[in-house]
C-alpha atoms as a PDB file:
ATOM      1  CA  MET A   1      -6.623  -2.065  -7.888  1.00  0.00           C
ATOM      2  CA  SER A   2      -8.730  -3.224 -10.941  1.00  0.00           C
ATOM      3  CA  ASN A   3      -5.721  -3.718 -13.584  1.00  0.00           C
ATOM      4  CA  VAL A   4      -4.596  -6.935 -11.976  1.00  0.00           C
ATOM      5  CA  ILE A   5      -4.914 -10.215 -14.500  1.00  0.00           C
ATOM      6  CA  ARG A   6      -6.446 -12.394 -12.375  1.00  0.00           C
ATOM      7  CA  PRO A   7      -8.066 -16.075 -13.183  1.00  0.00           C
ATOM      8  CA  THR A   8     -11.948 -15.083 -12.836  1.00  0.00           C
ATOM      9  CA  PHE A   9     -12.127 -14.892 -16.776  1.00  0.00           C
ATOM     10  CA  GLY A  10     -13.162 -11.170 -16.963  1.00  0.00           C
ATOM     11  CA  ALA A  11     -15.500 -11.024 -13.845  1.00  0.00           C
ATOM     12  CA  ARG A  12     -14.632  -8.091 -11.612  1.00  0.00           C
ATOM     13  CA  PRO A  13     -13.230  -9.117  -7.596  1.00  0.00           C
ATOM     14  CA  LYS A  14     -15.206  -8.109  -4.778  1.00  0.00           C
ATOM     15  CA  PRO A  15     -13.966  -5.255  -3.391  1.00  0.00           C
ATOM     16  CA  ASP A  16     -12.746  -7.469  -0.098  1.00  0.00           C
ATOM     17  CA  ASP A  17     -11.028  -9.576  -2.542  1.00  0.00           C
ATOM     18  CA  ALA A  18      -8.574  -7.436  -3.737  1.00  0.00           C
ATOM     19  CA  PRO A  19      -5.023  -7.515  -3.178  1.00  0.00           C
ATOM     20  CA  PRO A  20      -2.992  -4.930  -1.197  1.00  0.00           C
ATOM     21  CA  ALA A  21      -1.927  -2.296  -3.889  1.00  0.00           C
ATOM     22  CA  VAL A  22       1.876  -2.716  -2.876  1.00  0.00           C
ATOM     23  CA  ALA A  23       3.825  -5.424  -0.853  1.00  0.00           C
ATOM     24  CA  SER A  24       6.957  -6.202   0.370  1.00  0.00           C
ATOM     25  CA  VAL A  25       8.788  -8.914  -1.467  1.00  0.00           C
ATOM     26  CA  THR A  26      10.803 -10.119   1.462  1.00  0.00           C
ATOM     27  CA  GLU A  27       7.059 -10.969   2.472  1.00  0.00           C
ATOM     28  CA  LEU A  28       6.449 -13.135  -0.511  1.00  0.00           C
ATOM     29  CA  ARG A  29       8.344 -16.639  -1.380  1.00  0.00           C
ATOM     30  CA  ALA A  30      10.000 -15.518  -4.370  1.00  0.00           C
ATOM     31  CA  LEU A  31      10.166 -18.290  -7.241  1.00  0.00           C
ATOM     32  CA  ARG A  32      11.842 -16.822 -10.512  1.00  0.00           C
ATOM     33  CA  HIS A  33      13.374 -13.386 -11.064  1.00  0.00           C
ATOM     34  CA  PHE A  34      12.505 -12.858 -14.620  1.00  0.00           C
ATOM     35  CA  GLY A  35      14.713  -9.814 -14.988  1.00  0.00           C
ATOM     36  CA  GLN A  36      15.112  -5.771 -14.809  1.00  0.00           C
ATOM     37  CA  ALA A  37      14.412  -3.675 -17.302  1.00  0.00           C
ATOM     38  CA  ALA A  38      13.484   0.136 -17.639  1.00  0.00           C
ATOM     39  CA  GLY A  39      14.049   0.429 -13.970  1.00  0.00           C
ATOM     40  CA  TYR A  40      12.120  -2.245 -12.727  1.00  0.00           C
ATOM     41  CA  GLU A  41      12.581  -5.752 -11.609  1.00  0.00           C
ATOM     42  CA  VAL A  42      10.089  -9.007 -12.423  1.00  0.00           C
ATOM     43  CA  THR A  43       9.559 -11.579  -9.977  1.00  0.00           C
ATOM     44  CA  LEU A  44       7.085 -14.621  -9.685  1.00  0.00           C
ATOM     45  CA  VAL A  45       6.179 -15.326  -6.238  1.00  0.00           C
ATOM     46  CA  PHE A  46       4.347 -17.788  -3.937  1.00  0.00           C
ATOM     47  CA  ASP A  47       1.793 -16.572  -1.861  1.00  0.00           C
ATOM     48  CA  GLU A  48       0.034 -18.858   0.325  1.00  0.00           C
ATOM     49  CA  ASP A  49      -1.766 -16.358   2.394  1.00  0.00           C
ATOM     50  CA  THR A  50      -4.392 -15.032   0.267  1.00  0.00           C
ATOM     51  CA  ARG A  51      -8.473 -15.806   0.368  1.00  0.00           C
ATOM     52  CA  GLN A  52      -8.153 -17.793  -2.314  1.00  0.00           C
ATOM     53  CA  GLY A  53      -5.933 -20.339  -1.118  1.00  0.00           C
ATOM     54  CA  PRO A  54      -2.277 -20.423  -2.490  1.00  0.00           C
ATOM     55  CA  VAL A  55      -1.370 -18.476  -5.707  1.00  0.00           C
ATOM     56  CA  PHE A  56       1.279 -17.569  -7.732  1.00  0.00           C
ATOM     57  CA  LYS A  57       1.748 -13.667  -8.409  1.00  0.00           C
ATOM     58  CA  VAL A  58       3.610 -12.330 -10.872  1.00  0.00           C
ATOM     59  CA  VAL A  59       5.011  -8.510  -9.258  1.00  0.00           C
ATOM     60  CA  VAL A  60       6.830  -5.759 -10.559  1.00  0.00           C
ATOM     61  CA  GLY A  61       8.599  -3.214  -8.623  1.00  0.00           C
ATOM     62  CA  LEU A  62      11.787  -0.831  -8.882  1.00  0.00           C
ATOM     63  CA  GLU A  63      15.239  -1.939  -9.199  1.00  0.00           C
ATOM     64  CA  GLY A  64      16.827  -2.574  -5.825  1.00  0.00           C
ATOM     65  CA  GLY A  65      13.789  -1.428  -3.963  1.00  0.00           C
ATOM     66  CA  GLY A  66      11.504  -3.945  -1.502  1.00  0.00           C
ATOM     67  CA  ASP A  67       8.132  -2.490  -2.507  1.00  0.00           C
ATOM     68  CA  VAL A  68       6.312  -4.473  -5.286  1.00  0.00           C
ATOM     69  CA  GLU A  69       2.761  -4.118  -6.881  1.00  0.00           C
ATOM     70  CA  THR A  70       1.055  -7.507  -7.925  1.00  0.00           C
ATOM     71  CA  VAL A  71       0.183  -7.712 -11.822  1.00  0.00           C
ATOM     72  CA  ALA A  72      -1.207 -10.527 -11.833  1.00  0.00           C
ATOM     73  CA  ILE A  73      -2.454 -13.594 -10.277  1.00  0.00           C
ATOM     74  CA  LEU A  74      -2.731 -16.714 -10.974  1.00  0.00           C
ATOM     75  CA  PRO A  75      -3.765 -20.373  -9.296  1.00  0.00           C
ATOM     76  CA  ASP A  76      -1.743 -22.780  -7.792  1.00  0.00           C
ATOM     77  CA  THR A  77      -2.062 -25.192 -10.062  1.00  0.00           C
ATOM     78  CA  PRO A  78       0.474 -26.424 -13.103  1.00  0.00           C
ATOM     79  CA  GLU A  79      -1.257 -24.570 -15.539  1.00  0.00           C
ATOM     80  CA  GLY A  80      -1.199 -21.649 -13.685  1.00  0.00           C
ATOM     81  CA  GLU A  81       2.334 -21.549 -13.103  1.00  0.00           C
ATOM     82  CA  ALA A  82       3.029 -22.194 -16.457  1.00  0.00           C
ATOM     83  CA  ASP A  83       0.799 -19.163 -17.214  1.00  0.00           C
ATOM     84  CA  ALA A  84       2.818 -17.199 -14.725  1.00  0.00           C
ATOM     85  CA  ASN A  85       5.827 -17.968 -16.371  1.00  0.00           C
ATOM     86  CA  VAL A  86       4.598 -16.612 -20.001  1.00  0.00           C
ATOM     87  CA  VAL A  87       2.946 -13.374 -18.087  1.00  0.00           C
ATOM     88  CA  GLY A  88       6.295 -12.472 -16.681  1.00  0.00           C
ATOM     89  CA  MET A  89       8.375 -13.044 -19.151  1.00  0.00           C
ATOM     90  CA  ALA A  90       5.989 -10.822 -21.272  1.00  0.00           C
ATOM     91  CA  ILE A  91       5.787  -7.860 -18.803  1.00  0.00           C
ATOM     92  CA  LEU A  92       9.289  -8.174 -19.107  1.00  0.00           C
ATOM     93  CA  ARG A  93       9.932  -8.041 -22.622  1.00  0.00           C
ATOM     94  CA  THR A  94       7.477  -5.371 -22.937  1.00  0.00           C
ATOM     95  CA  MET A  95       9.584  -3.831 -20.369  1.00  0.00           C
ATOM     96  CA  GLU A  96      12.539  -3.895 -22.278  1.00  0.00           C
ATOM     97  CA  VAL A  97      10.968  -2.559 -25.509  1.00  0.00           C
ATOM     98  CA  MET A  98      10.191   0.320 -23.914  1.00  0.00           C
ATOM     99  CA  GLU A  99      13.517   1.098 -22.281  1.00  0.00           C
ATOM    100  CA  ALA A 100      14.969   0.442 -25.819  1.00  0.00           C
ATOM    101  CA  ALA A 101      12.676   2.693 -27.359  1.00  0.00           C
ATOM    102  CA  SER A 102      12.989   5.460 -24.928  1.00  0.00           C
ATOM    103  CA  ARG A 103      17.035   5.323 -25.835  1.00  0.00           C
ATOM    104  CA  GLY A 104      16.518   5.714 -29.470  1.00  0.00           C
ATOM    105  CA  PRO A 105      16.909   8.488 -31.633  1.00  0.00           C
ATOM    106  CA  LYS A 106      14.953  11.575 -31.224  1.00  0.00           C
ATOM    107  CA  ILE A 107      12.965  12.916 -33.032  1.00  0.00           C
ATOM    108  CA  ALA A 108      13.258  16.828 -33.488  1.00  0.00           C
END
């Protein structure tokens, strides 16, 4: 999974450092639910059990579903948490824009 935002400043993760593509939201401790749009939910979770130690993760999954995919991993610092909140809100807003565009007028 190479499209995850990571605190590595552009360095590619080693294959054994890659998180699982899909996890269950019940396996992680949810800190904040940003909202839902376009059929998806965006949530901030705290994961203590990673190779890098405790991290904040922004995850996205289908509304009402238990499986989520990690879209951003940030360090367990006050700055990391603040950045995770910004990322989560940006992802939710992007999905809201996509949802609104899909409901817009259709051009023949």
